[in-house]
Amino acid sequence: MSLTEQFTQAQADSKNLPERPDNMTLLKIYALFKQASSGDVNGERPGMTDFVARAKYDAWAELKGTSKDAAMQEYIALIEDLKD
């Protein structure tokens, strides 16, 4: 199975996890997905009053410079850990 196919499968698996991950794990899942699918963060950082969007942006920005393949591998590994 190719990396892209594994990534697609992990996306599907993420919707059927046995329990909802904590907020920090959800941010990591989001950031890894965005880095793997879109590359480095772009656009302006959301304002102080939009806490959720700002946290998502910051989590994604921390992965700046990570290759798409590396982000895919980390995403797949994280989802696999959460499935157990």
PDB file of N, CA and C in Angstrom:
ATOM      1  N   MET A   1       0.851  -1.178   0.000  1.00  0.00           N
ATOM      2  CA  MET A   1       0.000   0.000   0.000  1.00  0.00           C
ATOM      3  C   MET A   1       0.896   1.240   0.000  1.00  0.00           C
ATOM      4  N   SER A   2       0.619   2.176  -0.887  1.00  0.00           N
ATOM      5  CA  SER A   2       1.442   3.391  -0.971  1.00  0.00           C
ATOM      6  C   SER A   2       1.183   4.301   0.229  1.00  0.00           C
ATOM      7  N   LEU A   3       2.074   5.256   0.420  1.00  0.00           N
ATOM      8  CA  LEU A   3       1.937   6.210   1.520  1.00  0.00           C
ATOM      9  C   LEU A   3       0.635   6.987   1.398  1.00  0.00           C
ATOM     10  N   THR A   4       0.286   7.401   0.183  1.00  0.00           N
ATOM     11  CA  THR A   4      -0.948   8.148  -0.036  1.00  0.00           C
ATOM     12  C   THR A   4      -2.169   7.294   0.305  1.00  0.00           C
ATOM     13  N   GLU A   5      -2.131   6.031  -0.057  1.00  0.00           N
ATOM     14  CA  GLU A   5      -3.244   5.129   0.268  1.00  0.00           C
ATOM     15  C   GLU A   5      -3.353   4.915   1.770  1.00  0.00           C
ATOM     16  N   GLN A   6      -2.213   4.768   2.435  1.00  0.00           N
ATOM     17  CA  GLN A   6      -2.218   4.624   3.899  1.00  0.00           C
ATOM     18  C   GLN A   6      -2.770   5.885   4.559  1.00  0.00           C
ATOM     19  N   PHE A   7      -2.397   7.045   4.017  1.00  0.00           N
ATOM     20  CA  PHE A   7      -2.871   8.326   4.544  1.00  0.00           C
ATOM     21  C   PHE A   7      -4.388   8.430   4.388  1.00  0.00           C
ATOM     22  N   THR A   8      -4.887   8.048   3.221  1.00  0.00           N
ATOM     23  CA  THR A   8      -6.329   8.073   2.972  1.00  0.00           C
ATOM     24  C   THR A   8      -7.054   7.121   3.924  1.00  0.00           C
ATOM     25  N   GLN A   9      -6.480   5.956   4.146  1.00  0.00           N
ATOM     26  CA  GLN A   9      -7.080   4.983   5.075  1.00  0.00           C
ATOM     27  C   GLN A   9      -7.073   5.540   6.503  1.00  0.00           C
ATOM     28  N   ALA A  10      -5.987   6.189   6.889  1.00  0.00           N
ATOM     29  CA  ALA A  10      -5.899   6.779   8.228  1.00  0.00           C
ATOM     30  C   ALA A  10      -6.946   7.871   8.411  1.00  0.00           C
ATOM     31  N   GLN A  11      -7.222   8.640   7.357  1.00  0.00           N
ATOM     32  CA  GLN A  11      -8.268   9.660   7.430  1.00  0.00           C
ATOM     33  C   GLN A  11      -9.607   9.005   7.736  1.00  0.00           C
ATOM     34  N   ALA A  12      -9.910   7.914   7.037  1.00  0.00           N
ATOM     35  CA  ALA A  12     -11.166   7.193   7.263  1.00  0.00           C
ATOM     36  C   ALA A  12     -11.187   6.618   8.683  1.00  0.00           C
ATOM     37  N   ASP A  13     -10.074   6.044   9.106  1.00  0.00           N
ATOM     38  CA  ASP A  13      -9.990   5.463  10.446  1.00  0.00           C
ATOM     39  C   ASP A  13     -10.162   6.519  11.535  1.00  0.00           C
ATOM     40  N   SER A  14      -9.715   7.746  11.267  1.00  0.00           N
ATOM     41  CA  SER A  14      -9.801   8.807  12.279  1.00  0.00           C
ATOM     42  C   SER A  14     -11.246   9.152  12.629  1.00  0.00           C
ATOM     43  N   LYS A  15     -12.157   8.850  11.746  1.00  0.00           N
ATOM     44  CA  LYS A  15     -13.573   9.139  11.993  1.00  0.00           C
ATOM     45  C   LYS A  15     -14.244   8.050  12.827  1.00  0.00           C
ATOM     46  N   ASN A  16     -13.540   6.925  13.028  1.00  0.00           N
ATOM     47  CA  ASN A  16     -14.113   5.788  13.753  1.00  0.00           C
ATOM     48  C   ASN A  16     -13.248   5.352  14.931  1.00  0.00           C
ATOM     49  N   LEU A  17     -12.625   6.306  15.593  1.00  0.00           N
ATOM     50  CA  LEU A  17     -11.785   5.975  16.746  1.00  0.00           C
ATOM     51  C   LEU A  17     -12.666   5.506  17.905  1.00  0.00           C
ATOM     52  N   PRO A  18     -12.141   4.609  18.756  1.00  0.00           N
ATOM     53  CA  PRO A  18     -12.953   4.096  19.863  1.00  0.00           C
ATOM     54  C   PRO A  18     -13.397   5.179  20.854  1.00  0.00           C
ATOM     55  N   GLU A  19     -12.580   6.204  21.027  1.00  0.00           N
ATOM     56  CA  GLU A  19     -12.971   7.323  21.883  1.00  0.00           C
ATOM     57  C   GLU A  19     -12.400   8.620  21.330  1.00  0.00           C
ATOM     58  N   ARG A  20     -13.041   9.728  21.694  1.00  0.00           N
ATOM     59  CA  ARG A  20     -12.616  11.043  21.197  1.00  0.00           C
ATOM     60  C   ARG A  20     -11.296  11.434  21.861  1.00  0.00           C
ATOM     61  N   PRO A  21     -10.284  11.779  21.045  1.00  0.00           N
ATOM     62  CA  PRO A  21      -9.000  12.213  21.620  1.00  0.00           C
ATOM     63  C   PRO A  21      -9.143  13.542  22.367  1.00  0.00           C
ATOM     64  N   ASP A  22      -8.186  13.814  23.250  1.00  0.00           N
ATOM     65  CA  ASP A  22      -8.188  15.094  23.963  1.00  0.00           C
ATOM     66  C   ASP A  22      -7.870  16.229  22.987  1.00  0.00           C
ATOM     67  N   ASN A  23      -8.079  17.453  23.425  1.00  0.00           N
ATOM     68  CA  ASN A  23      -7.933  18.614  22.543  1.00  0.00           C
ATOM     69  C   ASN A  23      -6.528  18.773  21.969  1.00  0.00           C
ATOM     70  N   MET A  24      -5.501  18.484  22.764  1.00  0.00           N
ATOM     71  CA  MET A  24      -4.128  18.619  22.259  1.00  0.00           C
ATOM     72  C   MET A  24      -3.858  17.594  21.153  1.00  0.00           C
ATOM     73  N   THR A  25      -4.386  16.397  21.318  1.00  0.00           N
ATOM     74  CA  THR A  25      -4.219  15.368  20.290  1.00  0.00           C
ATOM     75  C   THR A  25      -4.992  15.742  19.037  1.00  0.00           C
ATOM     76  N   LEU A  26      -6.187  16.295  19.224  1.00  0.00           N
ATOM     77  CA  LEU A  26      -6.971  16.744  18.071  1.00  0.00           C
ATOM     78  C   LEU A  26      -6.233  17.833  17.293  1.00  0.00           C
ATOM     79  N   LEU A  27      -5.587  18.745  18.007  1.00  0.00           N
ATOM     80  CA  LEU A  27      -4.802  19.789  17.337  1.00  0.00           C
ATOM     81  C   LEU A  27      -3.644  19.181  16.554  1.00  0.00           C
ATOM     82  N   LYS A  28      -2.994  18.170  17.125  1.00  0.00           N
ATOM     83  CA  LYS A  28      -1.882  17.516  16.439  1.00  0.00           C
ATOM     84  C   LYS A  28      -2.381  16.803  15.184  1.00  0.00           C
ATOM     85  N   ILE A  29      -3.531  16.123  15.291  1.00  0.00           N
ATOM     86  CA  ILE A  29      -4.126  15.459  14.129  1.00  0.00           C
ATOM     87  C   ILE A  29      -4.412  16.484  13.038  1.00  0.00           C
ATOM     88  N   TYR A  30      -5.021  17.591  13.425  1.00  0.00           N
ATOM     89  CA  TYR A  30      -5.352  18.654  12.465  1.00  0.00           C
ATOM     90  C   TYR A  30      -4.093  19.191  11.792  1.00  0.00           C
ATOM     91  N   ALA A  31      -3.091  19.508  12.603  1.00  0.00           N
ATOM     92  CA  ALA A  31      -1.864  20.107  12.072  1.00  0.00           C
ATOM     93  C   ALA A  31      -1.148  19.151  11.123  1.00  0.00           C
ATOM     94  N   LEU A  32      -1.060  17.887  11.499  1.00  0.00           N
ATOM     95  CA  LEU A  32      -0.394  16.907  10.633  1.00  0.00           C
ATOM     96  C   LEU A  32      -1.167  16.731   9.327  1.00  0.00           C
ATOM     97  N   PHE A  33      -2.494  16.709   9.420  1.00  0.00           N
ATOM     98  CA  PHE A  33      -3.309  16.581   8.207  1.00  0.00           C
ATOM     99  C   PHE A  33      -3.079  17.772   7.280  1.00  0.00           C
ATOM    100  N   LYS A  34      -3.122  18.981   7.830  1.00  0.00           N
ATOM    101  CA  LYS A  34      -2.943  20.180   7.013  1.00  0.00           C
ATOM    102  C   LYS A  34      -1.543  20.230   6.395  1.00  0.00           C
ATOM    103  N   GLN A  35      -0.524  19.865   7.173  1.00  0.00           N
ATOM    104  CA  GLN A  35       0.846  19.873   6.656  1.00  0.00           C
ATOM    105  C   GLN A  35       0.986  18.847   5.539  1.00  0.00           C
ATOM    106  N   ALA A  36       0.387  17.670   5.729  1.00  0.00           N
ATOM    107  CA  ALA A  36       0.486  16.602   4.726  1.00  0.00           C
ATOM    108  C   ALA A  36      -0.294  16.937   3.463  1.00  0.00           C
ATOM    109  N   SER A  37      -1.420  17.616   3.600  1.00  0.00           N
ATOM    110  CA  SER A  37      -2.257  17.878   2.431  1.00  0.00           C
ATOM    111  C   SER A  37      -1.995  19.229   1.786  1.00  0.00           C
ATOM    112  N   SER A  38      -1.552  20.231   2.564  1.00  0.00           N
ATOM    113  CA  SER A  38      -1.395  21.585   2.024  1.00  0.00           C
ATOM    114  C   SER A  38       0.017  22.140   2.096  1.00  0.00           C
ATOM    115  N   GLY A  39       0.899  21.500   2.858  1.00  0.00           N
ATOM    116  CA  GLY A  39       2.240  22.039   3.032  1.00  0.00           C
ATOM    117  C   GLY A  39       2.283  23.056   4.157  1.00  0.00           C
ATOM    118  N   ASP A  40       3.276  23.921   4.122  1.00  0.00           N
ATOM    119  CA  ASP A  40       3.461  24.909   5.193  1.00  0.00           C
ATOM    120  C   ASP A  40       2.258  25.835   5.331  1.00  0.00           C
ATOM    121  N   VAL A  41       2.068  26.288   6.571  1.00  0.00           N
ATOM    122  CA  VAL A  41       0.961  27.188   6.891  1.00  0.00           C
ATOM    123  C   VAL A  41       1.042  28.447   6.032  1.00  0.00           C
ATOM    124  N   ASN A  42      -0.113  28.975   5.671  1.00  0.00           N
ATOM    125  CA  ASN A  42      -0.161  30.215   4.897  1.00  0.00           C
ATOM    126  C   ASN A  42      -1.294  31.080   5.422  1.00  0.00           C
ATOM    127  N   GLY A  43      -1.309  32.330   5.018  1.00  0.00           N
ATOM    128  CA  GLY A  43      -2.330  33.251   5.487  1.00  0.00           C
ATOM    129  C   GLY A  43      -1.917  33.905   6.794  1.00  0.00           C
ATOM    130  N   GLU A  44      -2.774  34.799   7.249  1.00  0.00           N
ATOM    131  CA  GLU A  44      -2.487  35.525   8.479  1.00  0.00           C
ATOM    132  C   GLU A  44      -2.980  34.750   9.688  1.00  0.00           C
ATOM    133  N   ARG A  45      -2.284  34.957  10.791  1.00  0.00           N
ATOM    134  CA  ARG A  45      -2.676  34.323  12.049  1.00  0.00           C
ATOM    135  C   ARG A  45      -3.986  34.950  12.521  1.00  0.00           C
ATOM    136  N   PRO A  46      -4.969  34.124  12.900  1.00  0.00           N
ATOM    137  CA  PRO A  46      -6.252  34.661  13.363  1.00  0.00           C
ATOM    138  C   PRO A  46      -6.089  35.542  14.604  1.00  0.00           C
ATOM    139  N   GLY A  47      -7.043  36.415  14.803  1.00  0.00           N
ATOM    140  CA  GLY A  47      -6.993  37.361  15.912  1.00  0.00           C
ATOM    141  C   GLY A  47      -7.157  36.715  17.274  1.00  0.00           C
ATOM    142  N   MET A  48      -6.911  37.498  18.306  1.00  0.00           N
ATOM    143  CA  MET A  48      -6.947  37.023  19.692  1.00  0.00           C
ATOM    144  C   MET A  48      -8.315  36.484  20.101  1.00  0.00           C
ATOM    145  N   THR A  49      -9.375  36.977  19.511  1.00  0.00           N
ATOM    146  CA  THR A  49     -10.704  36.567  19.954  1.00  0.00           C
ATOM    147  C   THR A  49     -11.166  35.241  19.356  1.00  0.00           C
ATOM    148  N   ASP A  50     -10.491  34.765  18.319  1.00  0.00           N
ATOM    149  CA  ASP A  50     -10.855  33.484  17.701  1.00  0.00           C
ATOM    150  C   ASP A  50      -9.895  32.418  18.212  1.00  0.00           C
ATOM    151  N   PHE A  51     -10.168  31.940  19.427  1.00  0.00           N
ATOM    152  CA  PHE A  51      -9.256  31.032  20.113  1.00  0.00           C
ATOM    153  C   PHE A  51      -9.029  29.725  19.355  1.00  0.00           C
ATOM    154  N   VAL A  52     -10.094  29.129  18.835  1.00  0.00           N
ATOM    155  CA  VAL A  52      -9.983  27.840  18.156  1.00  0.00           C
ATOM    156  C   VAL A  52      -9.152  27.966  16.883  1.00  0.00           C
ATOM    157  N   ALA A  53      -9.487  28.930  16.048  1.00  0.00           N
ATOM    158  CA  ALA A  53      -8.751  29.119  14.791  1.00  0.00           C
ATOM    159  C   ALA A  53      -7.289  29.459  15.071  1.00  0.00           C
ATOM    160  N   ARG A  54      -7.047  30.244  16.110  1.00  0.00           N
ATOM    161  CA  ARG A  54      -5.679  30.624  16.465  1.00  0.00           C
ATOM    162  C   ARG A  54      -4.887  29.395  16.925  1.00  0.00           C
ATOM    163  N   ALA A  55      -5.498  28.537  17.734  1.00  0.00           N
ATOM    164  CA  ALA A  55      -4.826  27.317  18.210  1.00  0.00           C
ATOM    165  C   ALA A  55      -4.515  26.389  17.031  1.00  0.00           C
ATOM    166  N   LYS A  56      -5.451  26.262  16.102  1.00  0.00           N
ATOM    167  CA  LYS A  56      -5.222  25.431  14.916  1.00  0.00           C
ATOM    168  C   LYS A  56      -4.077  25.987  14.080  1.00  0.00           C
ATOM    169  N   TYR A  57      -4.089  27.290  13.857  1.00  0.00           N
ATOM    170  CA  TYR A  57      -3.044  27.943  13.075  1.00  0.00           C
ATOM    171  C   TYR A  57      -1.680  27.724  13.733  1.00  0.00           C
ATOM    172  N   ASP A  58      -1.613  27.928  15.047  1.00  0.00           N
ATOM    173  CA  ASP A  58      -0.343  27.788  15.764  1.00  0.00           C
ATOM    174  C   ASP A  58       0.174  26.350  15.713  1.00  0.00           C
ATOM    175  N   ALA A  59      -0.734  25.383  15.860  1.00  0.00           N
ATOM    176  CA  ALA A  59      -0.335  23.973  15.803  1.00  0.00           C
ATOM    177  C   ALA A  59       0.225  23.641  14.422  1.00  0.00           C
ATOM    178  N   TRP A  60      -0.422  24.140  13.388  1.00  0.00           N
ATOM    179  CA  TRP A  60       0.041  23.904  12.021  1.00  0.00           C
ATOM    180  C   TRP A  60       1.368  24.608  11.788  1.00  0.00           C
ATOM    181  N   ALA A  61       1.504  25.843  12.279  1.00  0.00           N
ATOM    182  CA  ALA A  61       2.723  26.626  12.077  1.00  0.00           C
ATOM    183  C   ALA A  61       3.941  25.950  12.719  1.00  0.00           C
ATOM    184  N   GLU A  62       3.732  25.196  13.809  1.00  0.00           N
ATOM    185  CA  GLU A  62       4.835  24.498  14.465  1.00  0.00           C
ATOM    186  C   GLU A  62       5.467  23.440  13.559  1.00  0.00           C
ATOM    187  N   LEU A  63       4.720  22.982  12.557  1.00  0.00           N
ATOM    188  CA  LEU A  63       5.220  21.948  11.653  1.00  0.00           C
ATOM    189  C   LEU A  63       5.880  22.520  10.402  1.00  0.00           C
ATOM    190  N   LYS A  64       6.033  23.844  10.356  1.00  0.00           N
ATOM    191  CA  LYS A  64       6.620  24.482   9.183  1.00  0.00           C
ATOM    192  C   LYS A  64       7.970  23.851   8.850  1.00  0.00           C
ATOM    193  N   GLY A  65       8.142  23.500   7.580  1.00  0.00           N
ATOM    194  CA  GLY A  65       9.383  22.891   7.129  1.00  0.00           C
ATOM    195  C   GLY A  65       9.335  21.368   7.107  1.00  0.00           C
ATOM    196  N   THR A  66       8.308  20.777   7.719  1.00  0.00           N
ATOM    197  CA  THR A  66       8.154  19.326   7.688  1.00  0.00           C
ATOM    198  C   THR A  66       7.667  18.930   6.298  1.00  0.00           C
ATOM    199  N   SER A  67       8.276  17.913   5.726  1.00  0.00           N
ATOM    200  CA  SER A  67       7.860  17.484   4.387  1.00  0.00           C
ATOM    201  C   SER A  67       6.466  16.863   4.443  1.00  0.00           C
ATOM    202  N   LYS A  68       5.800  16.872   3.291  1.00  0.00           N
ATOM    203  CA  LYS A  68       4.463  16.279   3.228  1.00  0.00           C
ATOM    204  C   LYS A  68       4.516  14.793   3.559  1.00  0.00           C
ATOM    205  N   ASP A  69       5.529  14.093   3.054  1.00  0.00           N
ATOM    206  CA  ASP A  69       5.656  12.658   3.335  1.00  0.00           C
ATOM    207  C   ASP A  69       5.868  12.392   4.823  1.00  0.00           C
ATOM    208  N   ALA A  70       6.717  13.184   5.457  1.00  0.00           N
ATOM    209  CA  ALA A  70       6.971  13.010   6.890  1.00  0.00           C
ATOM    210  C   ALA A  70       5.700  13.271   7.693  1.00  0.00           C
ATOM    211  N   ALA A  71       4.949  14.312   7.313  1.00  0.00           N
ATOM    212  CA  ALA A  71       3.691  14.618   7.998  1.00  0.00           C
ATOM    213  C   ALA A  71       2.681  13.489   7.804  1.00  0.00           C
ATOM    214  N   MET A  72       2.635  12.922   6.601  1.00  0.00           N
ATOM    215  CA  MET A  72       1.735  11.788   6.353  1.00  0.00           C
ATOM    216  C   MET A  72       2.096  10.612   7.244  1.00  0.00           C
ATOM    217  N   GLN A  73       3.385  10.304   7.339  1.00  0.00           N
ATOM    218  CA  GLN A  73       3.831   9.178   8.160  1.00  0.00           C
ATOM    219  C   GLN A  73       3.491   9.394   9.631  1.00  0.00           C
ATOM    220  N   GLU A  74       3.706  10.608  10.128  1.00  0.00           N
ATOM    221  CA  GLU A  74       3.367  10.918  11.522  1.00  0.00           C
ATOM    222  C   GLU A  74       1.864  10.816  11.755  1.00  0.00           C
ATOM    223  N   TYR A  75       1.078  11.313  10.795  1.00  0.00           N
ATOM    224  CA  TYR A  75      -0.384  11.254  10.894  1.00  0.00           C
ATOM    225  C   TYR A  75      -0.844   9.800  10.975  1.00  0.00           C
ATOM    226  N   ILE A  76      -0.328   8.973  10.071  1.00  0.00           N
ATOM    227  CA  ILE A  76      -0.698   7.553  10.028  1.00  0.00           C
ATOM    228  C   ILE A  76      -0.345   6.884  11.359  1.00  0.00           C
ATOM    229  N   ALA A  77       0.866   7.133  11.863  1.00  0.00           N
ATOM    230  CA  ALA A  77       1.306   6.534  13.126  1.00  0.00           C
ATOM    231  C   ALA A  77       0.428   6.977  14.290  1.00  0.00           C
ATOM    232  N   LEU A  78       0.074   8.245  14.328  1.00  0.00           N
ATOM    233  CA  LEU A  78      -0.762   8.771  15.412  1.00  0.00           C
ATOM    234  C   LEU A  78      -2.145   8.123  15.385  1.00  0.00           C
ATOM    235  N   ILE A  79      -2.753   8.032  14.225  1.00  0.00           N
ATOM    236  CA  ILE A  79      -4.077   7.416  14.116  1.00  0.00           C
ATOM    237  C   ILE A  79      -4.000   5.937  14.501  1.00  0.00           C
ATOM    238  N   GLU A  80      -2.947   5.253  14.078  1.00  0.00           N
ATOM    239  CA  GLU A  80      -2.775   3.840  14.454  1.00  0.00           C
ATOM    240  C   GLU A  80      -2.695   3.684  15.971  1.00  0.00           C
ATOM    241  N   ASP A  81      -1.944   4.583  16.636  1.00  0.00           N
ATOM    242  CA  ASP A  81      -1.841   4.540  18.105  1.00  0.00           C
ATOM    243  C   ASP A  81      -3.201   4.764  18.759  1.00  0.00           C
ATOM    244  N   LEU A  82      -3.994   5.666  18.202  1.00  0.00           N
ATOM    245  CA  LEU A  82      -5.291   5.983  18.792  1.00  0.00           C
ATOM    246  C   LEU A  82      -6.334   4.890  18.561  1.00  0.00           C
ATOM    247  N   LYS A  83      -6.119   4.062  17.547  1.00  0.00           N
ATOM    248  CA  LYS A  83      -7.066   2.987  17.260  1.00  0.00           C
ATOM    249  C   LYS A  83      -7.003   1.881  18.306  1.00  0.00           C
ATOM    250  N   ASP A  84      -5.863   1.729  18.955  1.00  0.00           N
ATOM    251  CA  ASP A  84      -5.680   0.637  19.938  1.00  0.00           C
ATOM    252  C   ASP A  84      -6.341   0.940  21.263  1.00  0.00           C
TER     253      ASP A  84
END
